[in-house]
Amino acid sequence: MADKKLSLPGAPPKTEIATKPSSAKRAAIYTRVSCSDQHPETQLYDLRELAKQRRYEILHEYTDTISGSKSKRPGLDQLLADARRHRFDIVLVAAFDRVARSVRHFLEVLDELNHMGIEFVSFRENIDTGGPLGRAVDEESPFGGAPDRACAAKH
């Protein structure tokens, strides 16, 4: 960009350097574990590495320790509230089943993010809605549920 000369009558000219806005996408990370004896660190490590590789700026990390069958979760609810305020450009998750257990709930979340212009990346499934193939999310269930069922059986 060209420098812009600024001056007042009788004052020496000043040069204002135009700065480019940051090209890094502002990212939010969402992790979920099903019970307190599980830990989100593995998910966080993978997602932080992904953000680093893609040069995303991580603005916030949201974590829930709750069953994926629950549609109301404090971390996910806060992520969506912040998304409505356009606080980030992209959401990173370890896997589809970390967001929701049902296809319906997952697609509702994905649709809401899409309508706000927020991209969605799933590490395990290698899905990026910002890419050319990312918009074609199939409605077949991508959810395994084994960790949630194991946790539920213990409690």
N, C-alpha and C. Protein backbone atom coordinates (compact mmCIF):
# COMPACT_ATOMS: atom_id res chain seq x y z
N MET A 1 0.84 -1.18 0.00
CA MET A 1 0.00 0.00 0.00
C MET A 1 0.89 1.24 0.00
N ALA A 2 0.45 2.26 -0.62
CA ALA A 2 1.22 3.49 -0.68
C ALA A 2 1.09 4.26 0.63
N ASP A 3 2.17 4.95 0.98
CA ASP A 3 2.12 5.80 2.16
C ASP A 3 1.26 7.01 1.84
N LYS A 4 0.59 7.51 2.83
CA LYS A 4 -0.28 8.66 2.66
C LYS A 4 0.34 9.84 3.40
N LYS A 5 0.51 10.94 2.72
CA LYS A 5 1.09 12.13 3.33
C LYS A 5 -0.01 12.91 4.04
N LEU A 6 0.27 13.25 5.28
CA LEU A 6 -0.66 14.06 6.07
C LEU A 6 0.06 15.34 6.48
N SER A 7 -0.58 16.46 6.32
CA SER A 7 0.04 17.69 6.78
C SER A 7 -1.00 18.75 7.05
N LEU A 8 -0.67 19.61 7.95
CA LEU A 8 -1.50 20.76 8.26
C LEU A 8 -0.81 21.98 7.67
N PRO A 9 -1.56 23.02 7.33
CA PRO A 9 -0.91 24.22 6.79
C PRO A 9 0.13 24.74 7.77
N GLY A 10 1.35 24.95 7.26
CA GLY A 10 2.43 25.49 8.08
C GLY A 10 3.17 24.45 8.89
N ALA A 11 2.74 23.20 8.87
CA ALA A 11 3.40 22.13 9.62
C ALA A 11 4.15 21.23 8.65
N PRO A 12 5.28 20.65 9.11
CA PRO A 12 5.99 19.73 8.23
C PRO A 12 5.12 18.50 7.94
N PRO A 13 5.23 17.91 6.75
CA PRO A 13 4.39 16.75 6.42
C PRO A 13 4.74 15.55 7.29
N LYS A 14 3.72 14.76 7.63
CA LYS A 14 3.89 13.52 8.38
C LYS A 14 3.51 12.37 7.45
N THR A 15 4.15 11.25 7.64
CA THR A 15 3.83 10.08 6.84
C THR A 15 3.13 9.07 7.72
N GLU A 16 1.97 8.63 7.25
CA GLU A 16 1.22 7.60 7.96
C GLU A 16 1.43 6.30 7.21
N ILE A 17 1.90 5.29 7.89
CA ILE A 17 2.11 3.99 7.27
C ILE A 17 0.79 3.23 7.38
N ALA A 18 0.26 2.85 6.23
CA ALA A 18 -0.97 2.07 6.23
C ALA A 18 -0.63 0.64 6.62
N THR A 19 -1.36 0.10 7.57
CA THR A 19 -1.11 -1.27 8.00
C THR A 19 -2.19 -2.18 7.45
N LYS A 20 -1.75 -3.37 7.08
CA LYS A 20 -2.69 -4.36 6.58
C LYS A 20 -3.37 -5.02 7.78
N PRO A 21 -4.65 -5.34 7.64
CA PRO A 21 -5.27 -6.09 8.71
C PRO A 21 -4.66 -7.50 8.75
N SER A 22 -4.65 -8.10 9.91
CA SER A 22 -4.09 -9.44 10.06
C SER A 22 -4.81 -10.41 9.12
N SER A 23 -4.02 -11.21 8.41
CA SER A 23 -4.63 -12.17 7.50
C SER A 23 -4.93 -13.49 8.20
N ALA A 24 -4.49 -13.65 9.44
CA ALA A 24 -4.74 -14.88 10.18
C ALA A 24 -6.21 -14.98 10.54
N LYS A 25 -6.76 -16.17 10.35
CA LYS A 25 -8.14 -16.38 10.76
C LYS A 25 -8.18 -16.49 12.28
N ARG A 26 -9.23 -15.91 12.85
CA ARG A 26 -9.44 -15.97 14.30
C ARG A 26 -10.18 -17.26 14.61
N ALA A 27 -9.56 -18.11 15.42
CA ALA A 27 -10.11 -19.44 15.66
C ALA A 27 -10.61 -19.62 17.09
N ALA A 28 -11.62 -20.47 17.20
CA ALA A 28 -12.12 -20.94 18.49
C ALA A 28 -11.97 -22.46 18.48
N ILE A 29 -11.55 -23.00 19.59
CA ILE A 29 -11.42 -24.45 19.74
C ILE A 29 -12.52 -24.92 20.67
N TYR A 30 -13.18 -26.02 20.29
CA TYR A 30 -14.17 -26.63 21.17
C TYR A 30 -13.76 -28.08 21.44
N THR A 31 -13.68 -28.43 22.73
CA THR A 31 -13.41 -29.81 23.12
C THR A 31 -14.50 -30.27 24.08
N ARG A 32 -14.71 -31.58 24.07
CA ARG A 32 -15.68 -32.16 25.00
C ARG A 32 -15.21 -33.53 25.39
N VAL A 33 -15.30 -33.81 26.68
CA VAL A 33 -15.11 -35.16 27.20
C VAL A 33 -16.39 -35.53 27.93
N SER A 34 -16.61 -36.84 28.03
CA SER A 34 -17.89 -37.31 28.55
C SER A 34 -17.97 -37.36 30.06
N CYS A 35 -16.84 -37.60 30.71
CA CYS A 35 -16.87 -37.67 32.17
C CYS A 35 -15.54 -37.17 32.74
N SER A 36 -15.53 -36.93 34.04
CA SER A 36 -14.39 -36.24 34.66
C SER A 36 -13.10 -37.06 34.67
N ASP A 37 -13.17 -38.38 34.46
CA ASP A 37 -11.93 -39.15 34.41
C ASP A 37 -11.30 -39.14 33.01
N GLN A 38 -11.94 -38.45 32.06
CA GLN A 38 -11.35 -38.22 30.75
C GLN A 38 -10.77 -36.82 30.74
N HIS A 39 -9.82 -36.58 29.87
CA HIS A 39 -9.15 -35.28 29.83
C HIS A 39 -9.11 -34.74 28.40
N PRO A 40 -9.36 -33.45 28.23
CA PRO A 40 -9.39 -32.86 26.89
C PRO A 40 -8.01 -32.53 26.30
N GLU A 41 -6.94 -32.82 27.03
CA GLU A 41 -5.61 -32.38 26.59
C GLU A 41 -5.21 -32.93 25.23
N THR A 42 -5.57 -34.18 24.93
CA THR A 42 -5.22 -34.76 23.63
C THR A 42 -5.91 -33.99 22.52
N GLN A 43 -7.19 -33.70 22.71
CA GLN A 43 -7.92 -32.92 21.72
C GLN A 43 -7.29 -31.54 21.57
N LEU A 44 -6.98 -30.90 22.69
CA LEU A 44 -6.39 -29.56 22.66
C LEU A 44 -5.05 -29.55 21.94
N TYR A 45 -4.22 -30.56 22.22
CA TYR A 45 -2.91 -30.63 21.57
C TYR A 45 -3.06 -30.70 20.05
N ASP A 46 -3.89 -31.63 19.58
CA ASP A 46 -4.08 -31.79 18.13
C ASP A 46 -4.63 -30.53 17.48
N LEU A 47 -5.58 -29.89 18.14
CA LEU A 47 -6.22 -28.70 17.56
C LEU A 47 -5.29 -27.49 17.60
N ARG A 48 -4.50 -27.37 18.64
CA ARG A 48 -3.52 -26.28 18.69
C ARG A 48 -2.47 -26.45 17.60
N GLU A 49 -2.05 -27.69 17.38
CA GLU A 49 -1.08 -27.97 16.31
C GLU A 49 -1.68 -27.66 14.94
N LEU A 50 -2.92 -28.04 14.74
CA LEU A 50 -3.61 -27.74 13.48
C LEU A 50 -3.67 -26.23 13.26
N ALA A 51 -4.05 -25.50 14.30
CA ALA A 51 -4.13 -24.03 14.20
C ALA A 51 -2.76 -23.45 13.88
N LYS A 52 -1.73 -23.97 14.51
CA LYS A 52 -0.37 -23.49 14.27
C LYS A 52 0.04 -23.74 12.82
N GLN A 53 -0.23 -24.95 12.31
CA GLN A 53 0.11 -25.29 10.93
C GLN A 53 -0.60 -24.40 9.93
N ARG A 54 -1.84 -24.07 10.22
CA ARG A 54 -2.64 -23.26 9.29
C ARG A 54 -2.53 -21.76 9.58
N ARG A 55 -1.74 -21.42 10.58
CA ARG A 55 -1.52 -20.03 10.98
C ARG A 55 -2.81 -19.33 11.43
N TYR A 56 -3.64 -20.08 12.18
CA TYR A 56 -4.83 -19.49 12.77
C TYR A 56 -4.44 -18.89 14.11
N GLU A 57 -5.10 -17.82 14.47
CA GLU A 57 -4.91 -17.20 15.77
C GLU A 57 -6.01 -17.73 16.70
N ILE A 58 -5.62 -18.47 17.73
CA ILE A 58 -6.60 -19.03 18.67
C ILE A 58 -7.01 -17.95 19.65
N LEU A 59 -8.29 -17.59 19.61
CA LEU A 59 -8.79 -16.55 20.50
C LEU A 59 -9.37 -17.12 21.79
N HIS A 60 -9.97 -18.32 21.69
CA HIS A 60 -10.59 -18.88 22.88
C HIS A 60 -10.71 -20.39 22.73
N GLU A 61 -10.63 -21.08 23.87
CA GLU A 61 -10.85 -22.52 23.92
C GLU A 61 -12.03 -22.79 24.84
N TYR A 62 -12.99 -23.52 24.33
CA TYR A 62 -14.21 -23.85 25.06
C TYR A 62 -14.18 -25.35 25.35
N THR A 63 -14.47 -25.73 26.59
CA THR A 63 -14.43 -27.15 26.97
C THR A 63 -15.65 -27.51 27.79
N ASP A 64 -16.20 -28.66 27.49
CA ASP A 64 -17.29 -29.22 28.28
C ASP A 64 -16.90 -30.60 28.78
N THR A 65 -17.34 -30.91 30.00
CA THR A 65 -17.24 -32.26 30.54
C THR A 65 -18.67 -32.70 30.80
N ILE A 66 -19.26 -33.30 29.76
CA ILE A 66 -20.68 -33.66 29.81
C ILE A 66 -20.96 -34.60 28.65
N SER A 67 -21.99 -35.39 28.77
CA SER A 67 -22.37 -36.31 27.70
C SER A 67 -22.75 -35.55 26.44
N GLY A 68 -22.38 -36.11 25.31
CA GLY A 68 -22.72 -35.50 24.03
C GLY A 68 -24.20 -35.58 23.72
N SER A 69 -24.95 -36.41 24.47
CA SER A 69 -26.39 -36.50 24.23
C SER A 69 -27.14 -35.27 24.75
N LYS A 70 -26.47 -34.48 25.58
CA LYS A 70 -27.08 -33.25 26.10
C LYS A 70 -26.93 -32.15 25.06
N SER A 71 -28.02 -31.54 24.67
CA SER A 71 -27.93 -30.47 23.66
C SER A 71 -27.51 -29.14 24.27
N LYS A 72 -27.76 -28.97 25.56
CA LYS A 72 -27.35 -27.74 26.25
C LYS A 72 -26.09 -28.02 27.04
N ARG A 73 -25.02 -27.35 26.64
CA ARG A 73 -23.73 -27.52 27.31
C ARG A 73 -23.11 -26.15 27.48
N PRO A 74 -22.60 -25.82 28.65
CA PRO A 74 -22.08 -24.47 28.90
C PRO A 74 -21.00 -24.02 27.91
N GLY A 75 -20.04 -24.87 27.62
CA GLY A 75 -18.97 -24.48 26.69
C GLY A 75 -19.48 -24.26 25.28
N LEU A 76 -20.29 -25.19 24.79
CA LEU A 76 -20.85 -25.07 23.44
C LEU A 76 -21.80 -23.87 23.37
N ASP A 77 -22.60 -23.69 24.41
CA ASP A 77 -23.52 -22.54 24.42
C ASP A 77 -22.75 -21.22 24.38
N GLN A 78 -21.64 -21.13 25.11
CA GLN A 78 -20.84 -19.91 25.11
C GLN A 78 -20.16 -19.71 23.75
N LEU A 79 -19.69 -20.81 23.15
CA LEU A 79 -19.09 -20.72 21.82
C LEU A 79 -20.10 -20.14 20.83
N LEU A 80 -21.32 -20.65 20.86
CA LEU A 80 -22.34 -20.17 19.93
C LEU A 80 -22.71 -18.71 20.22
N ALA A 81 -22.77 -18.34 21.49
CA ALA A 81 -23.05 -16.95 21.84
C ALA A 81 -21.95 -16.03 21.31
N ASP A 82 -20.69 -16.45 21.45
CA ASP A 82 -19.58 -15.65 20.93
C ASP A 82 -19.57 -15.65 19.40
N ALA A 83 -19.99 -16.74 18.79
CA ALA A 83 -20.09 -16.79 17.32
C ALA A 83 -21.11 -15.75 16.84
N ARG A 84 -22.21 -15.62 17.56
CA ARG A 84 -23.23 -14.64 17.18
C ARG A 84 -22.70 -13.21 17.28
N ARG A 85 -21.65 -13.02 18.08
CA ARG A 85 -21.02 -11.70 18.21
C ARG A 85 -19.83 -11.56 17.26
N HIS A 86 -19.67 -12.55 16.39
CA HIS A 86 -18.59 -12.56 15.37
C HIS A 86 -17.21 -12.40 16.00
N ARG A 87 -16.96 -13.12 17.08
CA ARG A 87 -15.68 -13.01 17.78
C ARG A 87 -14.60 -13.88 17.16
N PHE A 88 -14.96 -14.76 16.23
CA PHE A 88 -13.98 -15.59 15.55
C PHE A 88 -14.51 -15.96 14.17
N ASP A 89 -13.62 -16.52 13.34
CA ASP A 89 -13.94 -16.83 11.94
C ASP A 89 -14.10 -18.32 11.70
N ILE A 90 -13.55 -19.12 12.60
CA ILE A 90 -13.50 -20.56 12.37
C ILE A 90 -13.56 -21.30 13.70
N VAL A 91 -14.21 -22.47 13.68
CA VAL A 91 -14.29 -23.33 14.86
C VAL A 91 -13.54 -24.63 14.55
N LEU A 92 -12.65 -25.02 15.46
CA LEU A 92 -11.90 -26.26 15.32
C LEU A 92 -12.38 -27.26 16.36
N VAL A 93 -12.68 -28.48 15.91
CA VAL A 93 -13.07 -29.56 16.82
C VAL A 93 -12.26 -30.80 16.49
N ALA A 94 -12.12 -31.69 17.47
CA ALA A 94 -11.36 -32.93 17.26
C ALA A 94 -12.14 -33.90 16.38
N ALA A 95 -13.46 -33.92 16.53
CA ALA A 95 -14.30 -34.85 15.78
C ALA A 95 -15.74 -34.40 15.85
N PHE A 96 -16.53 -34.85 14.88
CA PHE A 96 -17.95 -34.51 14.86
C PHE A 96 -18.63 -34.86 16.18
N ASP A 97 -18.30 -36.05 16.72
CA ASP A 97 -19.00 -36.51 17.91
C ASP A 97 -18.65 -35.72 19.16
N ARG A 98 -17.69 -34.83 19.09
CA ARG A 98 -17.39 -33.94 20.21
C ARG A 98 -18.42 -32.80 20.26
N VAL A 99 -19.02 -32.49 19.11
CA VAL A 99 -20.01 -31.41 19.04
C VAL A 99 -21.38 -31.93 19.42
N ALA A 100 -21.76 -33.09 18.90
CA ALA A 100 -23.11 -33.61 19.14
C ALA A 100 -23.14 -35.11 18.92
N ARG A 101 -24.10 -35.75 19.54
CA ARG A 101 -24.30 -37.18 19.38
C ARG A 101 -25.33 -37.47 18.29
N SER A 102 -26.24 -36.56 18.07
CA SER A 102 -27.26 -36.79 17.04
C SER A 102 -26.92 -35.98 15.80
N VAL A 103 -27.27 -36.56 14.67
CA VAL A 103 -27.05 -35.87 13.40
C VAL A 103 -27.83 -34.56 13.40
N ARG A 104 -29.04 -34.61 13.92
CA ARG A 104 -29.89 -33.41 13.92
C ARG A 104 -29.23 -32.25 14.67
N HIS A 105 -28.75 -32.52 15.89
CA HIS A 105 -28.13 -31.45 16.68
C HIS A 105 -26.85 -30.97 16.01
N PHE A 106 -26.05 -31.90 15.50
CA PHE A 106 -24.82 -31.53 14.81
C PHE A 106 -25.12 -30.60 13.63
N LEU A 107 -26.10 -30.97 12.82
CA LEU A 107 -26.43 -30.16 11.65
C LEU A 107 -27.02 -28.81 12.03
N GLU A 108 -27.73 -28.75 13.15
CA GLU A 108 -28.24 -27.46 13.63
C GLU A 108 -27.08 -26.53 13.98
N VAL A 109 -26.08 -27.05 14.70
CA VAL A 109 -24.91 -26.25 15.06
C VAL A 109 -24.15 -25.83 13.81
N LEU A 110 -23.92 -26.78 12.91
CA LEU A 110 -23.19 -26.49 11.68
C LEU A 110 -23.93 -25.45 10.83
N ASP A 111 -25.25 -25.58 10.75
CA ASP A 111 -26.06 -24.65 9.98
C ASP A 111 -26.00 -23.24 10.58
N GLU A 112 -26.08 -23.17 11.90
CA GLU A 112 -26.00 -21.86 12.56
C GLU A 112 -24.66 -21.19 12.29
N LEU A 113 -23.57 -21.94 12.41
CA LEU A 113 -22.24 -21.39 12.12
C LEU A 113 -22.15 -20.95 10.67
N ASN A 114 -22.66 -21.78 9.77
CA ASN A 114 -22.62 -21.47 8.34
C ASN A 114 -23.37 -20.17 8.04
N HIS A 115 -24.53 -19.99 8.65
CA HIS A 115 -25.31 -18.78 8.42
C HIS A 115 -24.61 -17.52 8.94
N MET A 116 -23.73 -17.71 9.90
CA MET A 116 -22.97 -16.57 10.43
C MET A 116 -21.65 -16.38 9.68
N GLY A 117 -21.40 -17.23 8.69
CA GLY A 117 -20.17 -17.12 7.92
C GLY A 117 -18.95 -17.67 8.64
N ILE A 118 -19.18 -18.54 9.63
CA ILE A 118 -18.08 -19.11 10.41
C ILE A 118 -17.77 -20.51 9.88
N GLU A 119 -16.52 -20.72 9.57
CA GLU A 119 -16.08 -22.01 9.05
C GLU A 119 -15.96 -23.02 10.18
N PHE A 120 -15.98 -24.30 9.80
CA PHE A 120 -15.93 -25.40 10.76
C PHE A 120 -14.90 -26.41 10.26
N VAL A 121 -14.00 -26.81 11.16
CA VAL A 121 -12.98 -27.80 10.81
C VAL A 121 -13.04 -28.93 11.83
N SER A 122 -13.14 -30.16 11.32
CA SER A 122 -13.08 -31.35 12.18
C SER A 122 -11.78 -32.08 11.88
N PHE A 123 -10.95 -32.24 12.91
CA PHE A 123 -9.63 -32.84 12.78
C PHE A 123 -9.72 -34.30 12.32
N ARG A 124 -10.49 -35.13 13.02
CA ARG A 124 -10.55 -36.57 12.71
C ARG A 124 -11.10 -36.84 11.32
N GLU A 125 -12.20 -36.19 10.98
CA GLU A 125 -12.84 -36.45 9.70
C GLU A 125 -12.20 -35.67 8.54
N ASN A 126 -11.26 -34.78 8.88
CA ASN A 126 -10.58 -33.96 7.88
C ASN A 126 -11.59 -33.18 7.04
N ILE A 127 -12.55 -32.57 7.71
CA ILE A 127 -13.58 -31.75 7.06
C ILE A 127 -13.30 -30.29 7.37
N ASP A 128 -13.32 -29.48 6.33
CA ASP A 128 -13.13 -28.04 6.46
C ASP A 128 -14.18 -27.37 5.59
N THR A 129 -15.18 -26.75 6.23
CA THR A 129 -16.27 -26.15 5.45
C THR A 129 -15.82 -24.94 4.65
N GLY A 130 -14.61 -24.46 4.92
CA GLY A 130 -14.08 -23.34 4.14
C GLY A 130 -13.50 -23.79 2.82
N GLY A 131 -13.27 -25.09 2.66
CA GLY A 131 -12.71 -25.62 1.43
C GLY A 131 -13.79 -25.93 0.42
N PRO A 132 -13.41 -26.22 -0.82
CA PRO A 132 -14.39 -26.45 -1.88
C PRO A 132 -15.28 -27.67 -1.65
N LEU A 133 -14.78 -28.69 -0.99
CA LEU A 133 -15.59 -29.88 -0.74
C LEU A 133 -16.26 -29.84 0.63
N GLY A 134 -15.90 -28.89 1.45
CA GLY A 134 -16.38 -28.85 2.82
C GLY A 134 -17.86 -28.57 2.98
N ARG A 135 -18.49 -27.98 2.01
CA ARG A 135 -19.92 -27.65 2.15
C ARG A 135 -20.80 -28.87 1.98
N ALA A 136 -20.23 -29.96 1.47
CA ALA A 136 -21.04 -31.16 1.23
C ALA A 136 -20.96 -32.09 2.42
N VAL A 137 -21.60 -31.72 3.50
CA VAL A 137 -21.62 -32.58 4.69
C VAL A 137 -22.80 -33.53 4.55
N ASP A 138 -22.49 -34.82 4.50
CA ASP A 138 -23.51 -35.84 4.32
C ASP A 138 -24.35 -35.99 5.58
N GLU A 139 -25.60 -36.30 5.44
CA GLU A 139 -26.48 -36.42 6.59
C GLU A 139 -26.46 -37.80 7.22
N GLU A 140 -25.60 -38.70 6.73
CA GLU A 140 -25.46 -39.99 7.40
C GLU A 140 -24.75 -39.76 8.72
N SER A 141 -25.04 -40.57 9.68
CA SER A 141 -24.47 -40.38 11.01
C SER A 141 -22.98 -40.67 11.04
N PRO A 142 -22.15 -39.68 11.35
CA PRO A 142 -20.72 -39.90 11.49
C PRO A 142 -20.32 -40.16 12.95
N PHE A 143 -21.30 -40.45 13.80
CA PHE A 143 -21.06 -40.48 15.24
C PHE A 143 -20.93 -41.90 15.74
N GLY A 144 -19.83 -42.15 16.43
CA GLY A 144 -19.60 -43.49 16.97
C GLY A 144 -20.22 -43.66 18.34
N GLY A 145 -19.85 -42.80 19.28
CA GLY A 145 -20.46 -42.81 20.60
C GLY A 145 -19.84 -43.76 21.60
N ALA A 146 -18.83 -44.51 21.24
CA ALA A 146 -18.26 -45.47 22.18
C ALA A 146 -17.77 -44.84 23.48
N PRO A 147 -17.01 -43.73 23.45
CA PRO A 147 -16.56 -43.16 24.72
C PRO A 147 -17.71 -42.70 25.61
N ASP A 148 -18.76 -42.14 25.03
CA ASP A 148 -19.90 -41.69 25.83
C ASP A 148 -20.63 -42.87 26.45
N ARG A 149 -20.83 -43.93 25.66
CA ARG A 149 -21.54 -45.11 26.19
C ARG A 149 -20.73 -45.76 27.31
N ALA A 150 -19.42 -45.82 27.14
CA ALA A 150 -18.56 -46.41 28.17
C ALA A 150 -18.66 -45.62 29.46
N CYS A 151 -18.64 -44.30 29.34
CA CYS A 151 -18.74 -43.43 30.52
C CYS A 151 -20.11 -43.58 31.18
N ALA A 152 -21.16 -43.64 30.39
CA ALA A 152 -22.50 -43.75 30.93
C ALA A 152 -22.68 -45.08 31.67
N ALA A 153 -22.05 -46.14 31.16
CA ALA A 153 -22.16 -47.44 31.78
C ALA A 153 -21.48 -47.46 33.15
N LYS A 154 -20.40 -46.66 33.31
CA LYS A 154 -19.69 -46.61 34.57
C LYS A 154 -20.43 -45.83 35.64
N HIS A 155 -21.31 -44.90 35.23
CA HIS A 155 -21.94 -44.00 36.21
C HIS A 155 -23.39 -44.28 36.37
